[in-house]
Amino acid sequence: MTDPDVLPLSLDAFGASDHRLPLIYMRERRRELVLELQTAGPAVSMQKIRDIAAVQQAIKAIETVIAE
């Protein structure tokens, strides 16, 4: 069983047939992190903000690759 907090390193986890699946996964992960951040209230963890920023950077990188 895979850990949902660990991002997969290969496309094999998504299936090689659809290259947009990693993008969908990353957007869902970002949404989950933002929802967690909203429910945390004033006790916002810097680690959560870093996690969201890292996922956002990965989303931009995937979008750039798809656009090329």
Protein backbone atom coordinates (compact mmCIF):
# COMPACT_ATOMS: atom_id res chain seq x y z
CA MET A 1 0.00 0.00 0.00
CA THR A 2 1.40 3.39 -0.94
CA ASP A 3 1.60 6.39 1.35
CA PRO A 4 -0.75 9.16 0.08
CA ASP A 5 1.66 11.83 1.36
CA VAL A 6 4.46 10.59 -0.87
CA LEU A 7 4.34 11.66 -4.49
CA PRO A 8 5.00 8.88 -7.00
CA LEU A 9 8.22 9.18 -8.95
CA SER A 10 7.16 7.44 -12.13
CA LEU A 11 4.27 7.44 -14.55
CA ASP A 12 3.82 3.71 -14.00
CA ALA A 13 1.60 4.41 -11.01
CA PHE A 14 -0.75 6.30 -13.33
CA GLY A 15 -0.54 4.10 -16.38
CA ALA A 16 1.52 5.08 -19.40
CA SER A 17 -1.50 5.54 -21.67
CA ASP A 18 -2.62 8.95 -20.39
CA HIS A 19 0.02 11.58 -19.73
CA ARG A 20 -2.46 13.97 -18.10
CA LEU A 21 -3.19 11.68 -15.15
CA PRO A 22 -0.20 12.95 -13.10
CA LEU A 23 -1.55 16.47 -13.55
CA ILE A 24 -4.97 15.42 -12.31
CA TYR A 25 -3.37 13.67 -9.34
CA MET A 26 -1.31 16.73 -8.45
CA ARG A 27 -4.30 19.07 -8.67
CA GLU A 28 -6.28 16.78 -6.39
CA ARG A 29 -3.37 16.63 -3.94
CA ARG A 30 -3.14 20.44 -3.95
CA ARG A 31 -6.88 20.68 -3.29
CA GLU A 32 -6.58 18.26 -0.35
CA LEU A 33 -3.68 20.23 1.13
CA VAL A 34 -5.54 23.53 0.81
CA LEU A 35 -8.60 22.05 2.50
CA GLU A 36 -6.39 20.80 5.34
CA LEU A 37 -4.90 24.27 5.61
CA GLN A 38 -8.35 25.86 5.83
CA THR A 39 -9.46 23.53 8.62
CA ALA A 40 -6.25 24.14 10.59
CA GLY A 41 -7.42 27.64 11.46
CA PRO A 42 -4.83 30.06 12.83
CA ALA A 43 -2.38 27.24 13.61
CA VAL A 44 -0.97 27.10 10.08
CA SER A 45 2.10 24.93 9.72
CA MET A 46 4.94 26.22 7.58
CA GLN A 47 5.43 22.64 6.40
CA LYS A 48 1.89 22.62 4.97
CA ILE A 49 2.63 25.84 3.08
CA ARG A 50 5.86 24.33 1.75
CA ASP A 51 3.99 21.19 0.67
CA ILE A 52 1.42 23.26 -1.22
CA ALA A 53 4.18 25.29 -2.89
CA ALA A 54 6.01 22.11 -3.94
CA VAL A 55 2.85 20.61 -5.41
CA GLN A 56 2.14 23.88 -7.24
CA GLN A 57 5.64 23.86 -8.74
CA ALA A 58 5.15 20.27 -9.87
CA ILE A 59 1.81 21.22 -11.47
CA LYS A 60 3.47 24.06 -13.40
CA ALA A 61 6.26 21.75 -14.54
CA ILE A 62 3.79 19.13 -15.76
CA GLU A 63 1.72 21.78 -17.56
CA THR A 64 4.87 23.06 -19.27
CA VAL A 65 5.81 19.58 -20.46
CA ILE A 66 2.28 18.95 -21.76
CA ALA A 67 2.29 22.31 -23.59
CA GLU A 68 5.52 21.42 -25.38
